[in-house]
Amino acid sequence: MPLVEASLLDILVCPACHAPLREDEDAAELVCTSDDCGLAYPVKDDIPVLLVDEARRPG
C-alpha cells in the first residue's frame, strides 16, 4: 500500500532543493531524488512531515 496517494506524490517536492520525492515504503519515508540532497522525510499517521528539521540526512 502506498504511503501517499499517487496524485499527491506527483506534486510534492523536497522543501530543501525542490527535487521530486519518491516513496520508501520499508522506511515509511519520502526520499529526495536529488543526488546532492537526498533528505528523507518521515510519513507519520499517513501524513508526510516535510520539514527540513525533521528530515533524516543520507548516510
PDB file of N, CA and C in Angstrom:
ATOM      1  N   MET A   1       0.844  -1.189   0.000  1.00  0.00           N
ATOM      2  CA  MET A   1       0.000   0.000   0.000  1.00  0.00           C
ATOM      3  C   MET A   1       0.890   1.253   0.000  1.00  0.00           C
ATOM      4  N   PRO A   2       0.620   2.188  -0.896  1.00  0.00           N
ATOM      5  CA  PRO A   2       1.436   3.402  -0.975  1.00  0.00           C
ATOM      6  C   PRO A   2       1.337   4.252   0.292  1.00  0.00           C
ATOM      7  N   LEU A   3       2.397   4.991   0.573  1.00  0.00           N
ATOM      8  CA  LEU A   3       2.408   5.877   1.733  1.00  0.00           C
ATOM      9  C   LEU A   3       1.493   7.083   1.521  1.00  0.00           C
ATOM     10  N   VAL A   4       1.521   7.637   0.310  1.00  0.00           N
ATOM     11  CA  VAL A   4       0.660   8.771  -0.048  1.00  0.00           C
ATOM     12  C   VAL A   4       0.029   8.481  -1.405  1.00  0.00           C
ATOM     13  N   GLU A   5      -1.055   9.146  -1.696  1.00  0.00           N
ATOM     14  CA  GLU A   5      -1.728   8.956  -2.982  1.00  0.00           C
ATOM     15  C   GLU A   5      -0.813   9.384  -4.126  1.00  0.00           C
ATOM     16  N   ALA A   6      -0.912   8.690  -5.235  1.00  0.00           N
ATOM     17  CA  ALA A   6      -0.063   8.970  -6.397  1.00  0.00           C
ATOM     18  C   ALA A   6      -0.225  10.404  -6.880  1.00  0.00           C
ATOM     19  N   SER A   7      -1.437  10.929  -6.853  1.00  0.00           N
ATOM     20  CA  SER A   7      -1.665  12.302  -7.313  1.00  0.00           C
ATOM     21  C   SER A   7      -0.961  13.312  -6.403  1.00  0.00           C
ATOM     22  N   LEU A   8      -0.874  13.013  -5.112  1.00  0.00           N
ATOM     23  CA  LEU A   8      -0.168  13.892  -4.189  1.00  0.00           C
ATOM     24  C   LEU A   8       1.340  13.784  -4.388  1.00  0.00           C
ATOM     25  N   LEU A   9       1.825  12.581  -4.576  1.00  0.00           N
ATOM     26  CA  LEU A   9       3.258  12.374  -4.788  1.00  0.00           C
ATOM     27  C   LEU A   9       3.730  13.080  -6.064  1.00  0.00           C
ATOM     28  N   ASP A  10       2.856  13.194  -7.048  1.00  0.00           N
ATOM     29  CA  ASP A  10       3.203  13.877  -8.305  1.00  0.00           C
ATOM     30  C   ASP A  10       3.500  15.362  -8.095  1.00  0.00           C
ATOM     31  N   ILE A  11       2.917  15.972  -7.071  1.00  0.00           N
ATOM     32  CA  ILE A  11       3.110  17.414  -6.876  1.00  0.00           C
ATOM     33  C   ILE A  11       4.036  17.749  -5.712  1.00  0.00           C
ATOM     34  N   LEU A  12       4.351  16.770  -4.859  1.00  0.00           N
ATOM     35  CA  LEU A  12       5.245  17.035  -3.724  1.00  0.00           C
ATOM     36  C   LEU A  12       6.687  17.140  -4.188  1.00  0.00           C
ATOM     37  N   VAL A  13       7.421  18.082  -3.615  1.00  0.00           N
ATOM     38  CA  VAL A  13       8.842  18.247  -3.897  1.00  0.00           C
ATOM     39  C   VAL A  13       9.587  18.418  -2.574  1.00  0.00           C
ATOM     40  N   CYS A  14      10.879  18.224  -2.628  1.00  0.00           N
ATOM     41  CA  CYS A  14      11.720  18.399  -1.456  1.00  0.00           C
ATOM     42  C   CYS A  14      11.715  19.881  -1.058  1.00  0.00           C
ATOM     43  N   PRO A  15      11.415  20.181   0.205  1.00  0.00           N
ATOM     44  CA  PRO A  15      11.424  21.584   0.642  1.00  0.00           C
ATOM     45  C   PRO A  15      12.814  22.224   0.585  1.00  0.00           C
ATOM     46  N   ALA A  16      13.859  21.427   0.660  1.00  0.00           N
ATOM     47  CA  ALA A  16      15.217  21.970   0.683  1.00  0.00           C
ATOM     48  C   ALA A  16      15.733  22.326  -0.712  1.00  0.00           C
ATOM     49  N   CYS A  17      15.482  21.446  -1.705  1.00  0.00           N
ATOM     50  CA  CYS A  17      16.079  21.676  -3.028  1.00  0.00           C
ATOM     51  C   CYS A  17      15.068  21.651  -4.175  1.00  0.00           C
ATOM     52  N   HIS A  18      13.819  21.330  -3.881  1.00  0.00           N
ATOM     53  CA  HIS A  18      12.719  21.328  -4.859  1.00  0.00           C
ATOM     54  C   HIS A  18      12.783  20.207  -5.884  1.00  0.00           C
ATOM     55  N   ALA A  19      13.531  19.154  -5.600  1.00  0.00           N
ATOM     56  CA  ALA A  19      13.568  17.965  -6.468  1.00  0.00           C
ATOM     57  C   ALA A  19      12.358  17.085  -6.144  1.00  0.00           C
ATOM     58  N   PRO A  20      11.948  16.235  -7.070  1.00  0.00           N
ATOM     59  CA  PRO A  20      10.828  15.317  -6.799  1.00  0.00           C
ATOM     60  C   PRO A  20      11.161  14.356  -5.656  1.00  0.00           C
ATOM     61  N   LEU A  21      10.118  13.821  -5.041  1.00  0.00           N
ATOM     62  CA  LEU A  21      10.272  12.850  -3.968  1.00  0.00           C
ATOM     63  C   LEU A  21       9.831  11.479  -4.451  1.00  0.00           C
ATOM     64  N   ARG A  22      10.408  10.431  -3.858  1.00  0.00           N
ATOM     65  CA  ARG A  22       9.975   9.065  -4.131  1.00  0.00           C
ATOM     66  C   ARG A  22       9.675   8.397  -2.799  1.00  0.00           C
ATOM     67  N   GLU A  23       8.860   7.363  -2.848  1.00  0.00           N
ATOM     68  CA  GLU A  23       8.488   6.641  -1.634  1.00  0.00           C
ATOM     69  C   GLU A  23       9.510   5.576  -1.284  1.00  0.00           C
ATOM     70  N   ASP A  24       9.769   5.425  -0.006  1.00  0.00           N
ATOM     71  CA  ASP A  24      10.496   4.278   0.533  1.00  0.00           C
ATOM     72  C   ASP A  24       9.546   3.653   1.547  1.00  0.00           C
ATOM     73  N   GLU A  25       8.746   2.703   1.070  1.00  0.00           N
ATOM     74  CA  GLU A  25       7.700   2.124   1.915  1.00  0.00           C
ATOM     75  C   GLU A  25       8.266   1.376   3.113  1.00  0.00           C
ATOM     76  N   ASP A  26       9.420   0.726   2.942  1.00  0.00           N
ATOM     77  CA  ASP A  26      10.015  -0.027   4.050  1.00  0.00           C
ATOM     78  C   ASP A  26      10.388   0.876   5.219  1.00  0.00           C
ATOM     79  N   ALA A  27      10.894   2.068   4.929  1.00  0.00           N
ATOM     80  CA  ALA A  27      11.297   3.012   5.968  1.00  0.00           C
ATOM     81  C   ALA A  27      10.192   4.008   6.314  1.00  0.00           C
ATOM     82  N   ALA A  28       9.060   3.963   5.607  1.00  0.00           N
ATOM     83  CA  ALA A  28       7.951   4.913   5.788  1.00  0.00           C
ATOM     84  C   ALA A  28       8.452   6.350   5.642  1.00  0.00           C
ATOM     85  N   GLU A  29       9.132   6.594   4.516  1.00  0.00           N
ATOM     86  CA  GLU A  29       9.695   7.912   4.254  1.00  0.00           C
ATOM     87  C   GLU A  29       9.474   8.312   2.803  1.00  0.00           C
ATOM     88  N   LEU A  30       9.512   9.611   2.580  1.00  0.00           N
ATOM     89  CA  LEU A  30       9.586  10.166   1.233  1.00  0.00           C
ATOM     90  C   LEU A  30      11.008  10.673   1.075  1.00  0.00           C
ATOM     91  N   VAL A  31      11.691  10.216   0.033  1.00  0.00           N
ATOM     92  CA  VAL A  31      13.114  10.495  -0.141  1.00  0.00           C
ATOM     93  C   VAL A  31      13.323  11.408  -1.339  1.00  0.00           C
ATOM     94  N   CYS A  32      14.155  12.416  -1.155  1.00  0.00           N
ATOM     95  CA  CYS A  32      14.504  13.342  -2.221  1.00  0.00           C
ATOM     96  C   CYS A  32      15.295  12.594  -3.293  1.00  0.00           C
ATOM     97  N   THR A  33      14.991  12.855  -4.561  1.00  0.00           N
ATOM     98  CA  THR A  33      15.662  12.170  -5.667  1.00  0.00           C
ATOM     99  C   THR A  33      16.933  12.877  -6.118  1.00  0.00           C
ATOM    100  N   SER A  34      17.247  14.024  -5.561  1.00  0.00           N
ATOM    101  CA  SER A  34      18.449  14.760  -5.935  1.00  0.00           C
ATOM    102  C   SER A  34      19.697  14.058  -5.391  1.00  0.00           C
ATOM    103  N   ASP A  35      20.736  13.961  -6.224  1.00  0.00           N
ATOM    104  CA  ASP A  35      21.995  13.361  -5.788  1.00  0.00           C
ATOM    105  C   ASP A  35      22.690  14.216  -4.729  1.00  0.00           C
ATOM    106  N   ASP A  36      22.481  15.522  -4.775  1.00  0.00           N
ATOM    107  CA  ASP A  36      23.139  16.427  -3.834  1.00  0.00           C
ATOM    108  C   ASP A  36      22.440  16.489  -2.488  1.00  0.00           C
ATOM    109  N   CYS A  37      21.144  16.321  -2.460  1.00  0.00           N
ATOM    110  CA  CYS A  37      20.359  16.489  -1.236  1.00  0.00           C
ATOM    111  C   CYS A  37      20.099  15.138  -0.570  1.00  0.00           C
ATOM    112  N   GLY A  38      19.155  14.391  -1.098  1.00  0.00           N
ATOM    113  CA  GLY A  38      18.858  13.053  -0.603  1.00  0.00           C
ATOM    114  C   GLY A  38      18.183  12.972   0.750  1.00  0.00           C
ATOM    115  N   LEU A  39      17.627  14.069   1.255  1.00  0.00           N
ATOM    116  CA  LEU A  39      16.951  14.037   2.551  1.00  0.00           C
ATOM    117  C   LEU A  39      15.768  13.076   2.530  1.00  0.00           C
ATOM    118  N   ALA A  40      15.496  12.450   3.669  1.00  0.00           N
ATOM    119  CA  ALA A  40      14.377  11.521   3.799  1.00  0.00           C
ATOM    120  C   ALA A  40      13.398  12.081   4.827  1.00  0.00           C
ATOM    121  N   TYR A  41      12.161  12.281   4.397  1.00  0.00           N
ATOM    122  CA  TYR A  41      11.127  12.880   5.233  1.00  0.00           C
ATOM    123  C   TYR A  41      10.188  11.790   5.745  1.00  0.00           C
ATOM    124  N   PRO A  42       9.918  11.762   7.045  1.00  0.00           N
ATOM    125  CA  PRO A  42       9.054  10.708   7.591  1.00  0.00           C
ATOM    126  C   PRO A  42       7.596  10.905   7.203  1.00  0.00           C
ATOM    127  N   VAL A  43       6.873   9.792   7.163  1.00  0.00           N
ATOM    128  CA  VAL A  43       5.429   9.825   6.979  1.00  0.00           C
ATOM    129  C   VAL A  43       4.836   9.263   8.271  1.00  0.00           C
ATOM    130  N   LYS A  44       4.145  10.118   9.025  1.00  0.00           N
ATOM    131  CA  LYS A  44       3.584   9.728  10.317  1.00  0.00           C
ATOM    132  C   LYS A  44       2.066   9.790  10.248  1.00  0.00           C
ATOM    133  N   ASP A  45       1.421   8.689  10.581  1.00  0.00           N
ATOM    134  CA  ASP A  45      -0.054   8.605  10.542  1.00  0.00           C
ATOM    135  C   ASP A  45      -0.597   9.035   9.189  1.00  0.00           C
ATOM    136  N   ASP A  46       0.044   8.571   8.113  1.00  0.00           N
ATOM    137  CA  ASP A  46      -0.353   8.858   6.727  1.00  0.00           C
ATOM    138  C   ASP A  46      -0.170  10.319   6.319  1.00  0.00           C
ATOM    139  N   ILE A  47       0.601  11.086   7.092  1.00  0.00           N
ATOM    140  CA  ILE A  47       0.829  12.497   6.782  1.00  0.00           C
ATOM    141  C   ILE A  47       2.330  12.718   6.576  1.00  0.00           C
ATOM    142  N   PRO A  48       2.738  13.176   5.382  1.00  0.00           N
ATOM    143  CA  PRO A  48       4.154  13.466   5.163  1.00  0.00           C
ATOM    144  C   PRO A  48       4.588  14.671   6.004  1.00  0.00           C
ATOM    145  N   VAL A  49       5.684  14.530   6.728  1.00  0.00           N
ATOM    146  CA  VAL A  49       6.236  15.614   7.534  1.00  0.00           C
ATOM    147  C   VAL A  49       7.376  16.232   6.724  1.00  0.00           C
ATOM    148  N   LEU A  50       7.044  17.256   5.963  1.00  0.00           N
ATOM    149  CA  LEU A  50       8.002  17.847   5.030  1.00  0.00           C
ATOM    150  C   LEU A  50       8.706  19.053   5.646  1.00  0.00           C
ATOM    151  N   LEU A  51       9.308  18.820   6.791  1.00  0.00           N
ATOM    152  CA  LEU A  51      10.086  19.839   7.478  1.00  0.00           C
ATOM    153  C   LEU A  51      11.558  19.428   7.421  1.00  0.00           C
ATOM    154  N   VAL A  52      12.409  20.335   6.984  1.00  0.00           N
ATOM    155  CA  VAL A  52      13.829  20.022   6.860  1.00  0.00           C
ATOM    156  C   VAL A  52      14.400  19.616   8.221  1.00  0.00           C
ATOM    157  N   ASP A  53      13.940  20.237   9.288  1.00  0.00           N
ATOM    158  CA  ASP A  53      14.431  19.916  10.642  1.00  0.00           C
ATOM    159  C   ASP A  53      14.055  18.497  11.064  1.00  0.00           C
ATOM    160  N   GLU A  54      13.005  17.924  10.490  1.00  0.00           N
ATOM    161  CA  GLU A  54      12.552  16.563  10.818  1.00  0.00           C
ATOM    162  C   GLU A  54      13.126  15.505   9.877  1.00  0.00           C
ATOM    163  N   ALA A  55      13.792  15.941   8.827  1.00  0.00           N
ATOM    164  CA  ALA A  55      14.304  15.020   7.817  1.00  0.00           C
ATOM    165  C   ALA A  55      15.553  14.295   8.312  1.00  0.00           C
ATOM    166  N   ARG A  56      15.722  13.089   7.780  1.00  0.00           N
ATOM    167  CA  ARG A  56      16.904  12.288   8.079  1.00  0.00           C
ATOM    168  C   ARG A  56      17.936  12.561   6.977  1.00  0.00           C
ATOM    169  N   ARG A  57      19.165  12.805   7.395  1.00  0.00           N
ATOM    170  CA  ARG A  57      20.247  13.039   6.436  1.00  0.00           C
ATOM    171  C   ARG A  57      20.689  11.725   5.827  1.00  0.00           C
ATOM    172  N   PRO A  58      21.093  11.715   4.564  1.00  0.00           N
ATOM    173  CA  PRO A  58      21.547  10.474   3.941  1.00  0.00           C
ATOM    174  C   PRO A  58      22.835   9.970   4.584  1.00  0.00           C
ATOM    175  N   GLY A  59      22.980   8.656   4.551  1.00  0.00           N
ATOM    176  CA  GLY A  59      24.209   8.043   5.044  1.00  0.00           C
ATOM    177  C   GLY A  59      24.124   7.769   6.466  1.00  0.00           C
TER     178      GLY A  59
END
